[in-house]
């Protein structure tokens, strides 16, 4: 079987004829090395912005269909120019639009999802010795209309073509030499990573790392496509995104989302069905929720907060207000000028105290934390936007990420490594998908042996989180032999200068964790540790949970139908977790598995 390489070149990499020639030379070199080559190119430079600006000169709201027709021309210009450059370099080449390739999508203009790709025409050209230059960012709907794939669409096209062709790797050429521990424009001491896992990269991409868009990482991870991110301007090897041979670091990298906005729904009745109603309104407007936080209710009144991109705030507010109209006494508040900083690392489960160290670092620079949510491999904090750069630099230094060193690379991109049970479940689900970008829910799991601890009230000031979780972890040195094992951490917004913090631990450690937490609570003079030694944590795990806005709705609708109330909520890119009463755990997992078709 011939080796196939997919190379993707972004807008800056094809900005002028000299850069187009440089990109063409890379493709020719790969072909001369014995590979069949597919190039995916974006629109040149600021071409898409120029087209959007032109459309804006008309005093009408441009129809989405016509915007897709217009924007698709940017990539068509690029592929034709690239094919000419390849011929100038002595190679046979053919340029193809998304429709000519055979990329079939749904009819969601501007954010279309790939349903299927026909490879017959591609393989015919490749077998004839031609380099195929494919237009990224576009496809054709069932009705024959041109559609565009939305942000990161060219990366997505490249990953998708690599998947269906069984490519050896997908090379993403950009204006940076790889994936860094943090954006080097914020912290010049950032280090380039040699290798990173799909899960870590997916979290970083969704949390603001701009090297690749999260949809393309979702796709690559789902189909097991090795991806190399490298510079189009140098010959540096770049960063390999894969599942093979990736070292498990406590913290691999940091990400920053500058344009976060918070929406809080307060005064909610604490009963089954409330969260389903809220998520239904958000899904109706396709609002992508990010940090979703619900802390323990007080006297039958609950509160939930979530973050959205600033550009989606108006839609999120409208959806939230329509939800609370049906809920007597509920009110909506908003927080703006916020940023979210996140630490991501596959080794976090093996290193208690990562969250405590992050909280202490923020406290030392006097940076207060408004919301907290965690997953197995991520800690995210919502802070004031004007403190974001300082906070990122401080956390980067605290975890010594300027000295990042990769372990043994563990083999070439195409090496065969055994799949983990979860990866095998993902692969099994993928094989049965009707559409290539359909959501993959790999597992609905229940941990019926957890305990919940809530500390309230606590003063809303820097250092409180650090004091609490250093105590629970056994001290600032993170000695796992002396502390309790913290799973979920949830902090919602404060009121009148006081906040509440909840977290879960194994039920066998409940009493010990409460003792550890009581010391800082007593030092605050008013904090009290409330413990429920028997709760259950239900988790929905998969790929595409956040980009498919109906996942939360399906989860909470199933719980509402089963009359299961939710105590805590925590989210990440690949998992939505809720804490419920221990005696409701089995009913909850049965209902949710049924909703997602998990046997």
Protein backbone atom coordinates (compact mmCIF):
# COMPACT_ATOMS: atom_id res chain seq x y z
CA UNK A 1 0.00 0.00 0.00
CA UNK A 2 1.48 3.41 -0.95
CA UNK A 3 2.48 5.86 1.75
CA UNK A 4 0.20 8.89 1.86
CA UNK A 5 1.01 12.20 3.52
CA UNK A 6 -1.46 15.05 3.93
CA UNK A 7 0.08 18.51 4.19
CA UNK A 8 -1.99 21.52 5.26
CA UNK A 9 -0.82 25.10 4.71
CA UNK A 10 -2.51 28.00 6.47
CA UNK A 11 -3.19 31.47 5.14
CA UNK A 12 0.17 32.97 6.12
CA UNK A 13 1.96 30.00 4.54
CA UNK A 14 0.40 30.80 1.13
CA UNK A 15 0.24 34.58 1.54
CA UNK A 16 2.26 35.40 -1.60
CA UNK A 17 3.89 33.63 -4.55
CA UNK A 18 7.22 33.14 -2.75
CA UNK A 19 5.49 31.35 0.13
CA UNK A 20 3.34 29.36 -2.27
CA UNK A 21 6.53 28.21 -4.03
CA UNK A 22 8.07 27.26 -0.66
CA UNK A 23 5.02 25.18 0.22
CA UNK A 24 5.04 23.55 -3.20
CA UNK A 25 8.69 22.59 -2.71
CA UNK A 26 7.81 20.72 0.49
CA UNK A 27 5.15 18.72 -1.31
CA UNK A 28 7.47 17.90 -4.19
CA UNK A 29 10.18 16.77 -1.74
CA UNK A 30 7.72 14.46 0.01
CA UNK A 31 6.64 12.98 -3.32
CA UNK A 32 10.26 12.45 -4.39
CA UNK A 33 10.77 10.65 -1.07
CA UNK A 34 8.22 8.08 -2.21
CA UNK A 35 4.98 9.36 -0.71
CA UNK A 36 1.70 10.19 -2.36
CA UNK A 37 0.84 13.75 -1.35
CA UNK A 38 -2.40 15.61 -0.71
CA UNK A 39 -2.06 19.31 0.01
CA UNK A 40 -4.83 21.21 1.80
CA UNK A 41 -4.59 24.98 1.57
CA UNK A 42 -6.41 27.85 3.22
CA UNK A 43 -7.33 31.18 1.68
CA UNK A 44 -4.35 33.49 1.29
CA UNK A 45 -3.49 35.84 4.15
CA UNK A 46 -6.38 38.18 4.94
CA UNK A 47 -8.47 37.06 1.97
CA UNK A 48 -11.37 35.78 4.09
CA UNK A 49 -11.46 39.05 6.06
CA UNK A 50 -11.49 40.97 2.78
CA UNK A 51 -14.46 38.95 1.50
CA UNK A 52 -16.38 39.43 4.75
CA UNK A 53 -15.68 43.17 4.56
CA UNK A 54 -16.97 43.34 1.00
CA UNK A 55 -20.18 41.59 1.98
CA UNK A 56 -20.59 44.07 4.83
CA UNK A 57 -20.71 46.99 2.41
CA UNK A 58 -24.24 46.01 1.37
CA UNK A 59 -27.03 47.31 3.58
CA UNK A 60 -28.62 43.90 4.01
CA UNK A 61 -27.97 40.99 6.30
CA UNK A 62 -26.20 38.58 3.92
CA UNK A 63 -27.88 35.16 3.74
CA UNK A 64 -25.75 32.38 5.19
CA UNK A 65 -25.94 30.43 1.94
CA UNK A 66 -24.52 33.32 -0.07
CA UNK A 67 -21.77 33.93 2.52
CA UNK A 68 -20.66 30.32 2.10
CA UNK A 69 -20.67 30.72 -1.66
CA UNK A 70 -18.54 33.85 -1.28
CA UNK A 71 -16.07 32.61 1.34
CA UNK A 72 -15.38 29.36 -0.49
CA UNK A 73 -13.78 31.35 -3.32
CA UNK A 74 -10.79 32.20 -1.13
CA UNK A 75 -9.66 28.58 -0.99
CA UNK A 76 -10.40 28.06 -4.68
CA UNK A 77 -7.98 30.87 -5.53
CA UNK A 78 -5.29 29.27 -3.36
CA UNK A 79 -5.57 25.76 -4.76
CA UNK A 80 -5.34 26.98 -8.35
CA UNK A 81 -2.23 29.04 -7.59
CA UNK A 82 -0.66 26.14 -5.70
CA UNK A 83 -1.27 23.74 -8.60
CA UNK A 84 0.47 26.21 -10.91
CA UNK A 85 3.44 26.44 -8.53
CA UNK A 86 3.71 22.64 -8.43
CA UNK A 87 3.73 22.44 -12.21
CA UNK A 88 6.43 25.12 -12.28
CA UNK A 89 8.44 22.88 -9.93
CA UNK A 90 8.10 19.97 -12.37
CA UNK A 91 5.33 18.00 -10.62
CA UNK A 92 2.00 16.84 -11.98
CA UNK A 93 -0.78 18.42 -9.92
CA UNK A 94 -4.53 18.90 -9.86
CA UNK A 95 -6.61 21.33 -7.79
CA UNK A 96 -9.99 20.24 -6.43
CA UNK A 97 -12.76 22.02 -4.58
CA UNK A 98 -14.46 20.39 -1.62
CA UNK A 99 -17.28 19.24 -3.85
CA UNK A 100 -14.91 17.80 -6.47
CA UNK A 101 -13.10 15.88 -3.75
CA UNK A 102 -16.40 14.44 -2.54
CA UNK A 103 -16.73 16.06 0.90
CA UNK A 104 -20.38 15.69 1.84
CA UNK A 105 -21.73 17.85 4.68
CA UNK A 106 -24.97 18.72 6.39
CA UNK A 107 -26.68 21.98 5.40
CA UNK A 108 -25.65 24.11 8.38
CA UNK A 109 -24.20 27.07 6.49
CA UNK A 110 -21.11 28.56 8.10
CA UNK A 111 -20.61 25.65 10.52
CA UNK A 112 -21.28 22.57 8.42
CA UNK A 113 -20.28 19.14 9.70
CA UNK A 114 -18.67 16.50 7.52
CA UNK A 115 -20.89 13.48 6.90
CA UNK A 116 -18.78 11.47 4.47
CA UNK A 117 -15.90 11.72 2.01
CA UNK A 118 -15.65 9.81 -1.25
CA UNK A 119 -12.04 8.84 -1.96
CA UNK A 120 -12.35 7.42 -5.48
CA UNK A 121 -11.35 10.59 -7.33
CA UNK A 122 -8.57 11.37 -4.87
CA UNK A 123 -7.03 7.91 -5.20
CA UNK A 124 -7.32 8.00 -8.99
CA UNK A 125 -5.23 11.18 -9.14
CA UNK A 126 -2.74 9.98 -6.52
CA UNK A 127 -2.23 6.66 -8.30
CA UNK A 128 -1.60 8.60 -11.51
CA UNK A 129 1.34 10.34 -9.82
CA UNK A 130 -0.33 13.70 -9.25
CA UNK A 131 -0.14 15.85 -6.15
CA UNK A 132 -3.71 16.67 -5.18
CA UNK A 133 -4.30 20.24 -4.00
CA UNK A 134 -7.52 20.24 -2.00
CA UNK A 135 -9.51 23.29 -1.00
CA UNK A 136 -9.86 23.33 2.77
CA UNK A 137 -12.80 24.72 4.73
CA UNK A 138 -15.54 23.61 2.35
CA UNK A 139 -17.83 20.83 1.20
CA UNK A 140 -21.19 20.28 -0.49
CA UNK A 141 -24.54 19.60 1.16
CA UNK A 142 -27.06 16.97 0.05
CA UNK A 143 -28.93 19.70 -1.82
CA UNK A 144 -25.80 20.52 -3.82
CA UNK A 145 -25.01 23.83 -2.11
CA UNK A 146 -21.48 24.86 -1.22
CA UNK A 147 -20.98 24.86 2.56
CA UNK A 148 -18.13 26.01 4.78
CA UNK A 149 -16.92 24.20 7.87
CA UNK A 150 -16.41 27.16 10.22
CA UNK A 151 -13.39 28.09 12.28
CA UNK A 152 -10.44 25.76 11.79
CA UNK A 153 -12.13 24.28 8.73
CA UNK A 154 -8.94 23.75 6.74
CA UNK A 155 -7.30 21.88 9.63
CA UNK A 156 -10.46 19.79 9.85
CA UNK A 157 -10.37 19.06 6.11
CA UNK A 158 -6.75 17.91 6.39
CA UNK A 159 -7.44 15.62 9.36
CA UNK A 160 -10.52 14.20 7.64
CA UNK A 161 -8.71 13.46 4.38
CA UNK A 162 -5.85 11.85 6.31
CA UNK A 163 -8.38 9.65 8.11
CA UNK A 164 -10.26 8.40 5.07
CA UNK A 165 -7.06 7.85 3.07
CA UNK A 166 -5.28 6.03 5.89
CA UNK A 167 -2.44 8.55 5.69
CA UNK A 168 0.85 7.96 7.47
CA UNK A 169 0.53 11.41 9.02
CA UNK A 170 -1.08 14.80 8.65
CA UNK A 171 1.37 17.72 8.62
CA UNK A 172 0.00 21.11 9.68
CA UNK A 173 2.27 23.91 8.46
CA UNK A 174 1.80 27.21 10.22
CA UNK A 175 3.72 30.31 11.29
CA UNK A 176 4.94 28.74 14.56
CA UNK A 177 7.38 25.83 14.93
CA UNK A 178 5.07 23.61 16.99
CA UNK A 179 3.01 23.37 20.17
CA UNK A 180 4.44 25.25 23.13
CA UNK A 181 3.92 24.97 26.87
CA UNK A 182 2.14 28.32 26.58
CA UNK A 183 1.78 31.02 23.94
CA UNK A 184 5.34 32.39 23.48
CA UNK A 185 3.89 35.84 22.83
CA UNK A 186 2.81 35.87 26.49
CA UNK A 187 5.78 34.03 28.00
CA UNK A 188 9.00 34.10 25.93
CA UNK A 189 10.41 31.30 28.11
CA UNK A 190 7.79 28.86 26.76
CA UNK A 191 9.22 25.55 25.51
CA UNK A 192 8.25 23.65 22.40
CA UNK A 193 6.91 20.15 23.05
CA UNK A 194 8.25 17.26 20.99
CA UNK A 195 5.15 15.15 21.52
CA UNK A 196 1.69 15.59 23.08
CA UNK A 197 -1.34 13.34 23.44
CA UNK A 198 -4.68 13.89 21.71
CA UNK A 199 -6.54 14.45 24.99
CA UNK A 200 -4.07 17.06 26.23
CA UNK A 201 -4.02 18.82 22.86
CA UNK A 202 -7.80 18.77 22.66
CA UNK A 203 -8.07 20.42 26.07
CA UNK A 204 -5.43 23.02 25.17
CA UNK A 205 -7.02 23.74 21.78
CA UNK A 206 -10.47 24.21 23.27
CA UNK A 207 -9.04 26.30 26.11
CA UNK A 208 -7.46 28.89 23.88
CA UNK A 209 -4.20 27.48 22.47
CA UNK A 210 -4.41 28.82 18.92
CA UNK A 211 -2.18 26.36 17.05
CA UNK A 212 -5.10 24.15 15.95
CA UNK A 213 -8.86 24.29 16.32
CA UNK A 214 -10.47 21.78 18.67
CA UNK A 215 -12.70 20.21 15.97
CA UNK A 216 -9.66 19.07 14.00
CA UNK A 217 -8.07 17.57 17.13
CA UNK A 218 -11.36 15.83 17.93
CA UNK A 219 -11.31 14.32 14.46
CA UNK A 220 -7.66 13.27 14.57
CA UNK A 221 -8.06 11.63 17.97
CA UNK A 222 -11.28 9.92 17.00
CA UNK A 223 -9.73 8.32 13.91
CA UNK A 224 -6.17 7.90 15.25
CA UNK A 225 -4.51 10.26 12.76
CA UNK A 226 -0.93 11.26 13.79
CA UNK A 227 -0.61 15.03 13.37
CA UNK A 228 2.63 17.01 13.11
CA UNK A 229 2.48 20.77 13.74
CA UNK A 230 5.49 22.54 12.29
CA UNK A 231 6.68 25.81 10.79
CA UNK A 232 6.36 26.48 7.09
CA UNK A 233 9.38 28.78 7.31
CA UNK A 234 11.98 26.43 8.83
CA UNK A 235 12.95 22.76 8.80
CA UNK A 236 12.42 22.22 12.54
CA UNK A 237 10.72 18.86 13.26
CA UNK A 238 7.71 20.39 15.04
CA UNK A 239 5.38 18.70 17.54
CA UNK A 240 3.79 15.29 17.06
CA UNK A 241 0.22 14.89 18.30
CA UNK A 242 -0.43 11.19 18.84
CA UNK A 243 -1.38 8.56 21.40
CA UNK A 244 1.90 6.64 21.23
CA UNK A 245 4.87 7.27 23.50
CA UNK A 246 3.55 10.45 25.11
CA UNK A 247 5.08 11.19 28.54
CA UNK A 248 2.54 11.80 31.33
CA UNK A 249 3.54 15.13 32.83
CA UNK A 250 1.67 16.64 35.81
CA UNK A 251 1.35 19.81 33.72
CA UNK A 252 2.07 19.74 30.01
CA UNK A 253 0.91 23.20 29.06
CA UNK A 254 -1.19 26.23 29.86
CA UNK A 255 -3.94 27.89 27.88
CA UNK A 256 -5.64 31.26 28.06
CA UNK A 257 -9.09 32.34 26.91
CA UNK A 258 -9.16 36.14 27.06
CA UNK A 259 -12.72 36.81 25.95
CA UNK A 260 -14.67 34.85 28.57
CA UNK A 261 -18.01 36.05 29.88
CA UNK A 262 -19.88 34.57 32.83
CA UNK A 263 -23.61 34.00 33.09
CA UNK A 264 -25.05 33.02 36.48
CA UNK A 265 -28.59 31.84 37.13
CA UNK A 266 -29.33 32.31 40.83
CA UNK A 267 -32.36 31.43 42.91
CA UNK A 268 -33.12 28.25 40.98
CA UNK A 269 -35.42 25.67 42.53
CA UNK A 270 -33.37 22.63 43.51
CA UNK A 271 -35.39 19.95 41.74
CA UNK A 272 -35.03 17.54 38.80
CA UNK A 273 -35.60 19.10 35.39
CA UNK A 274 -34.26 22.59 36.05
CA UNK A 275 -30.88 21.99 34.40
CA UNK A 276 -32.56 20.27 31.46
CA UNK A 277 -34.68 23.39 30.91
CA UNK A 278 -31.61 25.64 30.95
CA UNK A 279 -29.61 23.43 28.61
CA UNK A 280 -32.60 23.11 26.26
CA UNK A 281 -32.68 26.87 25.79
CA UNK A 282 -28.92 26.98 25.17
CA UNK A 283 -29.02 24.11 22.68
CA UNK A 284 -31.88 25.77 20.78
CA UNK A 285 -29.55 28.71 20.11
CA UNK A 286 -26.44 26.50 19.61
CA UNK A 287 -24.63 28.32 22.43
CA UNK A 288 -21.33 26.55 23.23
CA UNK A 289 -21.06 26.45 27.03
CA UNK A 290 -17.58 26.21 28.48
CA UNK A 291 -17.08 26.11 32.26
CA UNK A 292 -20.32 24.82 33.74
CA UNK A 293 -20.40 25.02 37.54
CA UNK A 294 -23.15 24.12 39.96
CA UNK A 295 -22.41 24.04 43.66
CA UNK A 296 -24.47 22.51 46.44
CA UNK A 297 -27.90 24.06 46.97
CA UNK A 298 -28.82 25.96 50.14
CA UNK A 299 -32.32 25.59 51.61
CA UNK A 300 -33.70 24.25 48.36
CA UNK A 301 -32.19 27.02 46.21
CA UNK A 302 -29.51 26.24 43.63
CA UNK A 303 -27.22 28.33 41.46
CA UNK A 304 -25.45 27.52 38.22
CA UNK A 305 -22.80 29.50 36.33
CA UNK A 306 -21.26 28.97 32.95
CA UNK A 307 -18.89 30.79 30.66
CA UNK A 308 -19.29 31.58 26.98
CA UNK A 309 -17.17 33.47 24.45
CA UNK A 310 -17.85 37.21 24.69
CA UNK A 311 -19.31 37.15 21.17
CA UNK A 312 -21.99 34.66 22.29
CA UNK A 313 -22.97 36.57 25.44
CA UNK A 314 -26.06 38.25 23.97
CA UNK A 315 -27.46 34.93 22.76
CA UNK A 316 -26.62 33.21 26.04
CA UNK A 317 -28.34 35.96 28.01
CA UNK A 318 -31.46 35.72 25.89
CA UNK A 319 -31.53 31.95 26.36
CA UNK A 320 -30.93 32.25 30.11
CA UNK A 321 -33.68 34.82 30.56
CA UNK A 322 -36.15 32.71 28.63
CA UNK A 323 -35.30 29.79 30.94
CA UNK A 324 -35.70 31.71 34.19
CA UNK A 325 -39.01 33.18 33.04
CA UNK A 326 -40.41 29.74 33.68
CA UNK A 327 -38.68 29.45 37.07
CA UNK A 328 -40.21 31.70 39.73
CA UNK A 329 -37.72 33.80 41.63
CA UNK A 330 -34.70 32.99 39.47
CA UNK A 331 -32.47 35.81 38.30
CA UNK A 332 -29.64 36.22 35.81
CA UNK A 333 -26.38 38.03 36.48
CA UNK A 334 -23.41 38.58 34.20
CA UNK A 335 -19.65 38.92 34.60
CA UNK A 336 -17.51 40.44 31.86
CA UNK A 337 -13.86 41.45 31.40
CA UNK A 338 -12.89 37.95 32.48
CA UNK A 339 -10.31 35.41 31.32
CA UNK A 340 -9.91 31.71 31.88
CA UNK A 341 -6.50 30.21 32.57
CA UNK A 342 -6.06 26.46 32.50
CA UNK A 343 -3.35 23.96 33.32
CA UNK A 344 -3.46 20.66 31.41
CA UNK A 345 -1.48 17.48 32.02
CA UNK A 346 -2.12 13.78 31.54
CA UNK A 347 -0.12 13.05 34.69
CA UNK A 348 -2.38 15.03 37.04
CA UNK A 349 -4.16 11.96 38.46
CA UNK A 350 -0.79 10.65 39.65
CA UNK A 351 0.27 13.91 41.28
CA UNK A 352 -2.04 15.19 44.04
CA UNK A 353 -1.56 18.86 44.73
CA UNK A 354 -1.39 20.27 41.20
CA UNK A 355 -4.53 22.33 41.78
CA UNK A 356 -3.25 23.50 45.18
CA UNK A 357 0.02 24.64 43.61
CA UNK A 358 -1.83 26.57 40.92
CA UNK A 359 -4.09 28.23 43.51
CA UNK A 360 -1.08 29.16 45.69
CA UNK A 361 0.72 30.70 42.71
CA UNK A 362 -2.29 32.88 41.90
CA UNK A 363 -2.60 33.88 45.55
CA UNK A 364 1.04 34.96 45.71
CA UNK A 365 0.45 37.53 42.98
CA UNK A 366 -2.80 38.67 44.61
CA UNK A 367 -5.01 37.26 41.84
CA UNK A 368 -8.49 36.28 42.98
CA UNK A 369 -10.36 33.34 41.45
CA UNK A 370 -14.03 33.68 40.52
CA UNK A 371 -14.89 30.18 39.27
CA UNK A 372 -13.08 26.83 39.40
CA UNK A 373 -13.75 23.63 37.52
CA UNK A 374 -11.55 20.59 37.11
CA UNK A 375 -11.29 17.31 35.24
CA UNK A 376 -8.85 14.41 35.42
CA UNK A 377 -6.30 16.30 33.33
CA UNK A 378 -7.29 19.96 33.70
CA UNK A 379 -7.68 22.75 36.24
CA UNK A 380 -9.42 25.92 35.02
CA UNK A 381 -9.81 29.22 36.88
CA UNK A 382 -11.82 32.28 35.90
CA UNK A 383 -9.99 35.50 36.78
CA UNK A 384 -10.01 39.20 35.91
CA UNK A 385 -8.93 39.72 32.32
CA UNK A 386 -6.37 42.40 33.19
CA UNK A 387 -4.48 39.86 35.35
CA UNK A 388 -4.38 37.14 32.70
CA UNK A 389 -0.87 37.58 31.27
CA UNK A 390 0.71 38.00 34.71
CA UNK A 391 -1.13 34.94 35.98
CA UNK A 392 -0.08 32.77 33.06
CA UNK A 393 3.57 33.74 33.45
CA UNK A 394 3.49 33.03 37.19
CA UNK A 395 1.89 29.60 36.80
CA UNK A 396 4.28 28.74 33.96
CA UNK A 397 7.23 29.49 36.22
CA UNK A 398 5.71 27.65 39.20
CA UNK A 399 5.53 24.39 37.25
CA UNK A 400 8.99 24.96 35.69
CA UNK A 401 7.56 24.70 32.20
CA UNK A 402 10.46 26.78 30.91
CA UNK A 403 12.52 23.62 31.54
CA UNK A 404 10.17 21.21 29.79
CA UNK A 405 11.90 18.03 28.74
CA UNK A 406 10.21 15.26 26.80
CA UNK A 407 10.69 11.62 27.66
CA UNK A 408 11.64 8.99 25.10
CA UNK A 409 9.58 9.65 22.00
CA UNK A 410 8.54 6.02 21.85
CA UNK A 411 8.59 5.35 18.14
CA UNK A 412 7.48 6.79 14.84
CA UNK A 413 4.05 8.33 14.18
CA UNK A 414 2.68 5.22 12.59
CA UNK A 415 3.87 2.75 15.22
CA UNK A 416 1.21 0.33 16.43
CA UNK A 417 0.53 0.63 20.16
CA UNK A 418 -2.27 -1.20 21.97
CA UNK A 419 -5.44 0.79 22.50
CA UNK A 420 -6.59 1.49 26.03
CA UNK A 421 -10.08 0.19 26.92
CA UNK A 422 -11.55 3.68 26.49
CA UNK A 423 -9.77 4.19 23.16
CA UNK A 424 -11.08 0.82 22.01
CA UNK A 425 -14.62 1.83 22.95
CA UNK A 426 -14.19 5.07 21.01
CA UNK A 427 -12.96 3.12 17.98
CA UNK A 428 -15.92 0.74 18.19
CA UNK A 429 -18.39 3.63 18.29
CA UNK A 430 -16.62 5.42 15.44
CA UNK A 431 -17.02 2.38 13.18
CA UNK A 432 -20.79 2.64 13.51
CA UNK A 433 -21.16 6.38 12.94
CA UNK A 434 -23.47 7.60 10.20
CA UNK A 435 -21.62 10.92 9.90
CA UNK A 436 -17.87 11.36 10.26
CA UNK A 437 -18.25 14.26 12.71
CA UNK A 438 -21.01 12.71 14.77
CA UNK A 439 -20.52 12.81 18.50
CA UNK A 440 -18.87 9.80 20.12
CA UNK A 441 -20.10 8.94 23.59
CA UNK A 442 -17.71 6.19 24.57
CA UNK A 443 -18.82 5.61 28.11
CA UNK A 444 -21.31 6.50 30.81
CA UNK A 445 -19.72 5.54 34.11
CA UNK A 446 -20.72 5.65 37.76
CA UNK A 447 -18.43 5.96 40.75
CA UNK A 448 -20.75 5.05 43.63
CA UNK A 449 -18.05 5.33 46.26
CA UNK A 450 -17.38 9.03 46.52
CA UNK A 451 -17.90 11.59 49.26
CA UNK A 452 -18.73 15.27 48.87
CA UNK A 453 -17.28 17.99 51.06
CA UNK A 454 -18.50 21.58 50.98
CA UNK A 455 -16.81 24.45 52.77
CA UNK A 456 -18.93 27.56 53.35
CA UNK A 457 -18.88 30.39 53.87
CA UNK A 458 -15.30 31.25 52.95
CA UNK A 459 -13.87 34.73 52.44
CA UNK A 460 -13.66 35.68 48.78
CA UNK A 461 -9.99 36.68 48.65
CA UNK A 462 -6.73 35.42 47.16
CA UNK A 463 -5.20 32.50 49.03
CA UNK A 464 -8.35 30.80 50.30
CA UNK A 465 -8.30 28.06 47.65
CA UNK A 466 -4.58 27.55 48.17
CA UNK A 467 -4.96 27.24 51.95
CA UNK A 468 -7.76 24.70 51.61
CA UNK A 469 -6.28 22.44 48.97
CA UNK A 470 -2.74 22.51 50.29
CA UNK A 471 -4.19 21.26 53.57
CA UNK A 472 -6.24 18.56 51.86
CA UNK A 473 -3.26 17.51 49.68
CA UNK A 474 -1.09 17.13 52.78
CA UNK A 475 0.94 20.31 52.35
CA UNK A 476 2.63 22.37 49.63
CA UNK A 477 5.15 19.63 48.78
CA UNK A 478 2.36 17.46 47.30
CA UNK A 479 3.29 14.30 49.20
CA UNK A 480 0.60 11.78 48.16
CA UNK A 481 1.21 9.71 51.26
CA UNK A 482 -0.08 12.41 53.61
CA UNK A 483 -3.08 13.90 51.82
CA UNK A 484 -6.52 12.98 50.53
CA UNK A 485 -7.23 12.28 46.86
CA UNK A 486 -9.30 15.11 45.42
CA UNK A 487 -11.38 14.47 42.31
CA UNK A 488 -13.86 17.20 41.30
CA UNK A 489 -13.39 20.77 42.50
CA UNK A 490 -16.21 23.26 42.07
CA UNK A 491 -16.31 26.92 43.09
CA UNK A 492 -19.18 29.15 42.00
CA UNK A 493 -19.35 32.94 42.16
CA UNK A 494 -19.21 34.73 45.49
CA UNK A 495 -21.95 36.77 47.15
CA UNK A 496 -21.44 39.61 49.62
CA UNK A 497 -17.75 38.81 49.85
CA UNK A 498 -18.23 35.12 50.60
CA UNK A 499 -17.91 32.03 48.41
CA UNK A 500 -18.50 28.31 48.74
CA UNK A 501 -16.21 25.49 47.62
CA UNK A 502 -17.16 21.86 47.06
CA UNK A 503 -15.01 18.89 46.14
CA UNK A 504 -15.19 15.12 46.05
CA UNK A 505 -12.87 12.44 47.45
CA UNK A 506 -13.10 8.64 47.69
CA UNK A 507 -15.65 7.78 50.36
CA UNK A 508 -12.96 5.88 52.30
CA UNK A 509 -11.11 9.20 52.72
CA UNK A 510 -14.11 11.35 53.63
CA UNK A 511 -13.45 11.61 57.37
CA UNK A 512 -9.73 12.26 56.86
CA UNK A 513 -10.35 14.88 54.18
CA UNK A 514 -12.85 16.66 56.43
CA UNK A 515 -10.28 16.77 59.23
CA UNK A 516 -7.67 18.21 56.87
CA UNK A 517 -10.11 20.82 55.52
CA UNK A 518 -11.30 21.86 58.98
CA UNK A 519 -7.98 23.54 59.89
CA UNK A 520 -8.07 26.27 57.20
CA UNK A 521 -11.85 26.61 57.65
CA UNK A 522 -11.32 27.30 61.36
CA UNK A 523 -8.56 29.78 60.60
CA UNK A 524 -10.99 31.82 58.51
CA UNK A 525 -13.12 32.15 61.61
CA UNK A 526 -16.42 31.35 59.91
CA UNK A 527 -15.95 28.45 57.52
CA UNK A 528 -17.72 25.16 58.14
CA UNK A 529 -17.02 21.79 56.50
CA UNK A 530 -20.17 19.92 55.51
CA UNK A 531 -19.69 16.28 54.52
CA UNK A 532 -21.88 13.81 52.72
CA UNK A 533 -19.89 10.57 53.02
CA UNK A 534 -21.94 8.70 50.40
CA UNK A 535 -22.54 10.27 46.97
CA UNK A 536 -22.24 9.02 43.41
CA UNK A 537 -20.45 10.67 40.51
CA UNK A 538 -21.85 10.02 37.04
CA UNK A 539 -19.67 10.88 34.05
CA UNK A 540 -20.37 10.99 30.32
CA UNK A 541 -17.11 10.59 28.40
CA UNK A 542 -16.47 10.96 24.69
CA UNK A 543 -15.39 13.13 21.79
CA UNK A 544 -17.31 16.20 20.67
CA UNK A 545 -19.18 16.78 23.92
CA UNK A 546 -18.71 20.52 23.88
CA UNK A 547 -18.90 21.20 20.16
CA UNK A 548 -22.24 19.32 19.99
CA UNK A 549 -24.42 21.61 22.06
CA UNK A 550 -27.16 19.05 22.66
CA UNK A 551 -25.09 16.73 24.86
CA UNK A 552 -25.81 18.54 28.10
CA UNK A 553 -29.48 18.69 27.20
CA UNK A 554 -29.67 14.95 26.61
CA UNK A 555 -27.84 14.23 29.88
CA UNK A 556 -30.01 16.48 32.07
CA UNK A 557 -33.25 15.55 30.30
CA UNK A 558 -32.53 11.88 31.06
CA UNK A 559 -31.84 12.68 34.72
CA UNK A 560 -35.01 14.77 34.95
CA UNK A 561 -37.13 11.99 33.48
CA UNK A 562 -35.66 9.61 36.07
CA UNK A 563 -36.40 12.21 38.80
CA UNK A 564 -32.72 12.38 39.77
CA UNK A 565 -31.57 15.68 41.25
CA UNK A 566 -28.11 17.11 40.54
CA UNK A 567 -25.92 18.34 43.39
CA UNK A 568 -22.72 19.37 41.59
CA UNK A 569 -21.69 19.84 37.97
CA UNK A 570 -18.21 19.93 36.48
CA UNK A 571 -17.24 19.88 32.79
CA UNK A 572 -14.26 19.45 30.51
CA UNK A 573 -13.77 19.03 26.78
CA UNK A 574 -14.22 15.25 26.95
CA UNK A 575 -16.31 14.72 30.06
CA UNK A 576 -19.41 16.01 31.79
CA UNK A 577 -19.66 14.91 35.42
CA UNK A 578 -22.48 15.32 37.91
CA UNK A 579 -22.75 14.37 41.56
CA UNK A 580 -26.03 12.84 42.72
CA UNK A 581 -27.26 11.18 45.89
CA UNK A 582 -25.79 7.72 46.40
CA UNK A 583 -29.21 6.03 46.40
CA UNK A 584 -30.00 7.61 43.02
CA UNK A 585 -26.77 6.59 41.30
CA UNK A 586 -27.99 3.37 39.67
CA UNK A 587 -31.19 4.99 38.39
CA UNK A 588 -29.14 7.88 37.03
CA UNK A 589 -26.62 5.77 35.14
CA UNK A 590 -29.35 3.53 33.71
CA UNK A 591 -31.30 6.54 32.45
CA UNK A 592 -28.27 8.26 30.90
CA UNK A 593 -26.97 5.10 29.27
CA UNK A 594 -30.37 4.62 27.71
CA UNK A 595 -30.42 8.20 26.43
CA UNK A 596 -27.02 7.79 24.73
CA UNK A 597 -27.61 4.23 23.55
CA UNK A 598 -24.84 2.76 25.69
CA UNK A 599 -25.39 -0.88 26.57
